[in-house]
């Protein structure tokens, strides 16, 4: 069984590779963008057949699928930052919307029977009233950022190709996640990186924003195991919330990381990091996913410990 991880060098892609590497029945292919050439990715992904490609070039996508003819595709080649999407909405729309359209248009011609997993985001739900928690898949979508809009449209494009051309597409709306090798630009990882910089004497304090918000975090290793389970046992065209089903305050995340560090660290509130929280407590309903047999294996303490160790050892 040939499995293609599009965006193998990214956070989700690299963890999906680790998972698939433990499954004997699959042959792993990894597609990456030339911006990662400076990394020794042949050693990082030594059991994958690596292919360079550009999701924003339809001919590059066509060449990739022609060469591999994958049975399964994990579509991780996307723009993933909410904050950066406000700064560069056009790149967000191009990559997430047009890139997905390229993939599905080529797939219908070359690999119409392949299974394709398209990870969406809980950001698509937008502002949800507290008395409506936990968030269910049937809730209306009210995206509030260019990133969230792009993920909503990506999902609609997927539904079009599923209904019009019978492509085998599976959908998720994935909530917050963290774990080892998470890059900067996400709250847990930003905290962890600052703590390691403090340990090394590079900074005298760590700067934080709003600590009162509560979010539903899942370990990235549990997230990719959910993706694999959806491909194996899920229903084509169904949408699955991928989440823990419980929330934790950002303040508690910070406290846990500081305890793991063992240091007495000064905290400063930074106006640059202060953003109003539209939803104080954001929790997903994961009943549909659990019906497939999925359950999280990693606690938030394990996730944060491994995240901190990764930054300490500069494994990101």
Protein backbone atom coordinates (compact mmCIF):
# COMPACT_ATOMS: atom_id res chain seq x y z
CA UNK A 1 0.00 0.00 0.00
CA UNK A 2 1.57 3.26 -1.15
CA UNK A 3 1.00 6.17 1.25
CA UNK A 4 1.93 9.73 0.27
CA UNK A 5 2.53 12.31 2.98
CA UNK A 6 2.27 15.73 1.35
CA UNK A 7 4.26 18.09 3.56
CA UNK A 8 6.30 15.35 5.25
CA UNK A 9 8.79 17.82 6.75
CA UNK A 10 6.09 19.71 8.67
CA UNK A 11 4.90 19.10 12.23
CA UNK A 12 2.00 16.77 11.40
CA UNK A 13 3.79 15.25 8.41
CA UNK A 14 6.85 14.20 10.38
CA UNK A 15 4.75 12.57 13.09
CA UNK A 16 2.63 10.79 10.49
CA UNK A 17 5.88 9.43 9.06
CA UNK A 18 6.85 8.12 12.52
CA UNK A 19 3.50 6.38 12.84
CA UNK A 20 3.56 4.84 9.36
CA UNK A 21 7.14 3.73 9.89
CA UNK A 22 5.85 1.33 12.54
CA UNK A 23 3.30 -0.21 10.14
CA UNK A 24 4.76 -2.95 7.96
CA UNK A 25 2.05 -3.00 5.30
CA UNK A 26 2.77 0.48 3.92
CA UNK A 27 5.36 1.96 1.56
CA UNK A 28 5.94 5.58 2.53
CA UNK A 29 6.39 8.44 0.08
CA UNK A 30 7.06 11.96 1.30
CA UNK A 31 6.59 15.16 -0.69
CA UNK A 32 8.38 18.30 0.44
CA UNK A 33 8.95 21.85 -0.73
CA UNK A 34 12.41 23.05 -1.74
CA UNK A 35 12.49 25.45 1.26
CA UNK A 36 13.46 22.48 3.45
CA UNK A 37 16.50 21.53 1.36
CA UNK A 38 18.88 22.92 3.99
CA UNK A 39 17.83 20.10 6.33
CA UNK A 40 19.28 16.61 6.12
CA UNK A 41 15.84 15.19 5.42
CA UNK A 42 17.20 11.97 3.89
CA UNK A 43 18.37 10.98 7.36
CA UNK A 44 15.23 12.25 9.07
CA UNK A 45 12.97 10.23 6.78
CA UNK A 46 15.29 7.40 5.79
CA UNK A 47 12.47 4.89 5.20
CA UNK A 48 10.50 7.18 2.90
CA UNK A 49 10.92 7.78 -0.82
CA UNK A 50 11.20 11.57 -0.98
CA UNK A 51 9.92 13.77 -3.79
CA UNK A 52 10.28 17.52 -4.15
CA UNK A 53 7.13 19.36 -5.23
CA UNK A 54 5.20 22.63 -5.03
CA UNK A 55 1.51 22.48 -4.05
CA UNK A 56 1.03 25.84 -5.78
CA UNK A 57 2.14 24.47 -9.16
CA UNK A 58 -0.47 22.22 -10.80
CA UNK A 59 2.16 20.62 -13.06
CA UNK A 60 4.31 19.79 -10.03
CA UNK A 61 1.30 18.13 -8.36
CA UNK A 62 0.51 16.23 -11.56
CA UNK A 63 4.09 14.95 -11.88
CA UNK A 64 4.08 13.84 -8.24
CA UNK A 65 0.88 11.80 -8.53
CA UNK A 66 1.88 10.36 -11.92
CA UNK A 67 5.16 9.09 -10.50
CA UNK A 68 3.71 7.54 -7.34
CA UNK A 69 0.06 6.60 -7.97
CA UNK A 70 -0.55 6.53 -4.20
CA UNK A 71 -3.33 4.52 -2.56
CA UNK A 72 -3.60 6.98 0.34
CA UNK A 73 -2.76 10.70 0.56
CA UNK A 74 -2.38 12.78 3.71
CA UNK A 75 -2.75 16.40 2.57
CA UNK A 76 -0.56 18.35 5.02
CA UNK A 77 0.83 20.76 2.41
CA UNK A 78 -0.91 23.83 3.75
CA UNK A 79 -0.49 27.23 5.36
CA UNK A 80 -1.16 26.63 9.07
CA UNK A 81 -0.75 29.89 11.00
CA UNK A 82 -3.79 31.95 12.01
CA UNK A 83 -1.61 34.95 12.94
CA UNK A 84 0.43 34.87 9.72
CA UNK A 85 -2.72 34.49 7.66
CA UNK A 86 -3.74 38.03 8.67
CA UNK A 87 -0.36 39.31 7.49
CA UNK A 88 -0.42 37.39 4.21
CA UNK A 89 -3.97 36.35 3.32
CA UNK A 90 -3.22 35.88 -0.39
CA UNK A 91 -0.56 33.21 0.24
CA UNK A 92 -2.95 31.51 2.65
CA UNK A 93 -5.74 31.42 0.08
CA UNK A 94 -3.44 30.37 -2.75
CA UNK A 95 -1.90 27.44 -0.86
CA UNK A 96 -4.90 26.17 1.06
CA UNK A 97 -7.62 26.77 -1.53
CA UNK A 98 -5.98 26.61 -4.96
CA UNK A 99 -3.42 24.01 -3.84
CA UNK A 100 -6.25 21.76 -2.72
CA UNK A 101 -8.14 22.33 -5.97
CA UNK A 102 -5.01 21.34 -7.92
CA UNK A 103 -4.62 18.16 -5.85
CA UNK A 104 -8.22 17.02 -6.26
CA UNK A 105 -8.50 17.94 -9.95
CA UNK A 106 -5.37 15.90 -10.72
CA UNK A 107 -6.47 13.09 -8.39
CA UNK A 108 -9.77 12.61 -10.24
CA UNK A 109 -7.85 12.08 -13.48
CA UNK A 110 -4.95 9.94 -12.24
CA UNK A 111 -5.92 8.25 -8.96
CA UNK A 112 -9.73 8.41 -8.66
CA UNK A 113 -9.81 5.47 -6.22
CA UNK A 114 -7.22 6.80 -3.77
CA UNK A 115 -8.17 7.68 -0.21
CA UNK A 116 -7.45 11.33 0.65
CA UNK A 117 -7.45 12.76 4.16
CA UNK A 118 -7.98 16.53 4.30
CA UNK A 119 -7.31 17.94 7.76
CA UNK A 120 -9.45 20.96 8.52
CA UNK A 121 -9.39 23.17 11.58
CA UNK A 122 -11.60 23.96 14.56
CA UNK A 123 -10.92 27.59 13.60
CA UNK A 124 -13.68 27.09 11.02
CA UNK A 125 -16.29 27.19 13.82
CA UNK A 126 -15.32 30.74 14.77
CA UNK A 127 -17.04 32.30 17.79
CA UNK A 128 -19.18 29.74 19.62
CA UNK A 129 -21.30 30.63 22.65
CA UNK A 130 -20.20 29.10 25.95
CA UNK A 131 -23.56 27.43 26.48
CA UNK A 132 -23.03 25.59 23.17
CA UNK A 133 -19.90 23.75 24.34
CA UNK A 134 -18.69 21.19 23.47
CA UNK A 135 -18.61 21.98 19.75
CA UNK A 136 -20.24 19.37 17.53
CA UNK A 137 -19.54 18.73 13.85
CA UNK A 138 -23.02 19.87 12.80
CA UNK A 139 -22.51 23.38 14.23
CA UNK A 140 -22.49 26.27 11.71
CA UNK A 141 -19.12 27.50 10.45
CA UNK A 142 -18.32 31.17 11.10
CA UNK A 143 -14.61 31.59 10.27
CA UNK A 144 -12.95 34.73 11.63
CA UNK A 145 -9.49 34.67 9.99
CA UNK A 146 -8.09 34.19 6.48
CA UNK A 147 -6.75 30.83 7.66
CA UNK A 148 -10.16 29.71 8.94
CA UNK A 149 -11.85 30.91 5.75
CA UNK A 150 -9.32 28.99 3.65
CA UNK A 151 -9.97 25.79 5.60
CA UNK A 152 -13.74 26.17 5.23
CA UNK A 153 -13.42 26.65 1.48
CA UNK A 154 -10.94 23.77 1.27
CA UNK A 155 -13.58 21.56 2.87
CA UNK A 156 -16.23 22.79 0.40
CA UNK A 157 -13.93 22.02 -2.53
CA UNK A 158 -13.40 18.54 -1.12
CA UNK A 159 -17.15 18.01 -0.81
CA UNK A 160 -17.63 19.11 -4.42
CA UNK A 161 -15.11 16.56 -5.74
CA UNK A 162 -16.56 13.87 -3.50
CA UNK A 163 -20.15 14.46 -4.65
CA UNK A 164 -19.40 15.21 -8.31
CA UNK A 165 -16.60 12.70 -9.01
CA UNK A 166 -16.96 10.17 -6.15
CA UNK A 167 -13.47 10.80 -4.78
CA UNK A 168 -12.75 9.03 -1.49
CA UNK A 169 -12.20 12.05 0.75
CA UNK A 170 -12.17 12.08 4.55
CA UNK A 171 -12.41 15.32 6.55
CA UNK A 172 -11.36 16.47 10.00
CA UNK A 173 -11.73 19.64 12.02
CA UNK A 174 -8.71 19.42 14.24
CA UNK A 175 -8.53 21.40 17.48
CA UNK A 176 -5.40 22.69 19.23
CA UNK A 177 -2.48 20.30 19.44
CA UNK A 178 1.09 20.27 20.70
CA UNK A 179 3.94 17.88 21.40
CA UNK A 180 7.57 17.22 20.46
CA UNK A 181 9.02 19.16 17.51
CA UNK A 182 6.24 21.75 17.41
CA UNK A 183 7.68 24.88 15.73
CA UNK A 184 7.36 28.40 17.08
CA UNK A 185 4.23 30.38 16.40
CA UNK A 186 1.99 28.28 18.68
CA UNK A 187 1.38 29.02 22.33
CA UNK A 188 2.84 25.88 23.96
CA UNK A 189 5.91 25.89 21.77
CA UNK A 190 6.48 29.61 22.22
CA UNK A 191 6.40 29.16 25.99
CA UNK A 192 8.78 26.18 25.82
CA UNK A 193 11.28 27.99 23.58
CA UNK A 194 11.36 31.01 25.90
CA UNK A 195 11.88 28.76 28.93
CA UNK A 196 14.87 27.10 27.25
CA UNK A 197 16.25 30.53 26.30
CA UNK A 198 15.87 31.53 29.97
CA UNK A 199 17.72 28.37 31.08
CA UNK A 200 20.55 29.27 28.70
CA UNK A 201 20.74 32.83 30.04
CA UNK A 202 19.63 34.40 26.78
CA UNK A 203 16.66 36.22 28.36
CA UNK A 204 15.77 37.43 31.88
CA UNK A 205 12.04 36.76 31.74
CA UNK A 206 9.44 35.21 29.47
CA UNK A 207 6.76 37.28 27.81
CA UNK A 208 3.19 36.07 27.62
CA UNK A 209 -0.20 37.23 26.41
CA UNK A 210 -3.70 36.26 27.53
CA UNK A 211 -3.45 33.41 30.03
CA UNK A 212 -7.12 33.16 30.94
CA UNK A 213 -8.39 31.42 27.80
CA UNK A 214 -8.99 27.67 27.95
CA UNK A 215 -8.36 25.43 24.96
CA UNK A 216 -8.77 21.77 23.99
CA UNK A 217 -5.26 20.35 23.40
CA UNK A 218 -4.36 16.95 21.94
CA UNK A 219 -0.88 15.49 21.53
CA UNK A 220 0.25 15.51 17.89
CA UNK A 221 1.00 11.77 18.15
CA UNK A 222 -2.62 11.15 19.09
CA UNK A 223 -3.74 13.45 16.28
CA UNK A 224 -1.93 11.48 13.56
CA UNK A 225 -3.16 8.19 15.02
CA UNK A 226 -6.69 9.62 14.69
CA UNK A 227 -5.98 10.49 11.04
CA UNK A 228 -4.83 6.94 10.32
CA UNK A 229 -7.86 5.49 12.09
CA UNK A 230 -10.19 7.72 10.06
CA UNK A 231 -8.59 6.46 6.84
CA UNK A 232 -8.90 2.84 7.99
CA UNK A 233 -12.30 2.89 9.69
CA UNK A 234 -13.99 6.22 8.98
CA UNK A 235 -16.75 7.03 6.52
CA UNK A 236 -16.00 8.72 3.22
CA UNK A 237 -17.32 12.29 3.27
CA UNK A 238 -17.75 12.33 7.03
CA UNK A 239 -16.29 15.13 9.15
CA UNK A 240 -14.58 14.24 12.42
CA UNK A 241 -13.62 16.58 15.24
CA UNK A 242 -10.12 15.58 16.32
CA UNK A 243 -9.80 16.74 19.92
CA UNK A 244 -9.41 15.62 23.52
CA UNK A 245 -12.90 16.65 24.59
CA UNK A 246 -11.65 18.68 27.55
CA UNK A 247 -9.93 22.01 27.94
CA UNK A 248 -7.05 23.44 29.95
CA UNK A 249 -6.25 27.08 30.78
CA UNK A 250 -3.24 28.64 29.04
CA UNK A 251 -2.11 29.72 32.53
CA UNK A 252 -1.98 26.06 33.59
CA UNK A 253 0.03 25.17 30.46
CA UNK A 254 2.57 27.82 31.43
CA UNK A 255 2.65 26.66 35.06
CA UNK A 256 3.28 23.05 34.03
CA UNK A 257 6.15 24.02 31.71
CA UNK A 258 7.78 26.13 34.43
CA UNK A 259 7.49 23.25 36.93
CA UNK A 260 9.06 20.90 34.37
CA UNK A 261 11.90 23.39 33.95
CA UNK A 262 12.55 23.54 37.68
CA UNK A 263 13.45 27.23 37.41
CA UNK A 264 12.05 30.30 39.15
CA UNK A 265 11.13 32.26 36.05
CA UNK A 266 9.89 35.85 35.92
CA UNK A 267 6.75 36.31 33.83
CA UNK A 268 5.94 39.54 31.97
CA UNK A 269 2.71 40.41 30.22
CA UNK A 270 3.50 41.69 26.72
CA UNK A 271 1.09 44.02 24.96
CA UNK A 272 2.33 42.60 21.66
CA UNK A 273 1.06 39.17 22.66
CA UNK A 274 -2.23 40.32 24.18
CA UNK A 275 -5.14 39.40 21.95
CA UNK A 276 -8.77 39.45 23.01
CA UNK A 277 -10.24 35.98 23.37
CA UNK A 278 -13.54 35.73 21.51
CA UNK A 279 -14.20 32.36 23.13
CA UNK A 280 -13.02 31.99 26.76
CA UNK A 281 -13.40 28.19 26.80
CA UNK A 282 -13.15 26.23 23.52
CA UNK A 283 -13.97 22.50 23.75
CA UNK A 284 -14.66 19.94 21.03
CA UNK A 285 -17.04 17.00 21.00
CA UNK A 286 -15.12 13.88 19.90
CA UNK A 287 -17.88 11.25 20.15
CA UNK A 288 -17.82 10.47 16.42
CA UNK A 289 -14.07 9.89 16.51
CA UNK A 290 -14.26 7.74 19.63
CA UNK A 291 -16.85 5.52 17.94
CA UNK A 292 -14.10 4.46 15.54
CA UNK A 293 -12.11 3.19 18.54
CA UNK A 294 -9.80 6.17 18.99
CA UNK A 295 -8.72 7.42 22.38
CA UNK A 296 -5.82 9.68 23.37
CA UNK A 297 -2.72 7.95 24.76
CA UNK A 298 -0.66 10.97 25.80
CA UNK A 299 -1.46 13.25 28.72
CA UNK A 300 -0.86 17.00 28.55
CA UNK A 301 2.02 16.52 31.00
CA UNK A 302 3.71 14.06 28.61
CA UNK A 303 3.13 16.36 25.67
CA UNK A 304 4.68 19.35 27.43
CA UNK A 305 7.60 17.34 28.83
CA UNK A 306 8.49 16.01 25.37
CA UNK A 307 8.00 19.45 23.81
CA UNK A 308 10.37 21.04 26.34
CA UNK A 309 12.97 18.29 25.87
CA UNK A 310 12.80 18.79 22.13
CA UNK A 311 13.63 22.49 22.46
CA UNK A 312 16.31 21.71 25.03
CA UNK A 313 17.98 19.34 22.58
CA UNK A 314 17.19 21.62 19.61
CA UNK A 315 15.11 18.93 17.92
CA UNK A 316 12.44 20.99 16.14
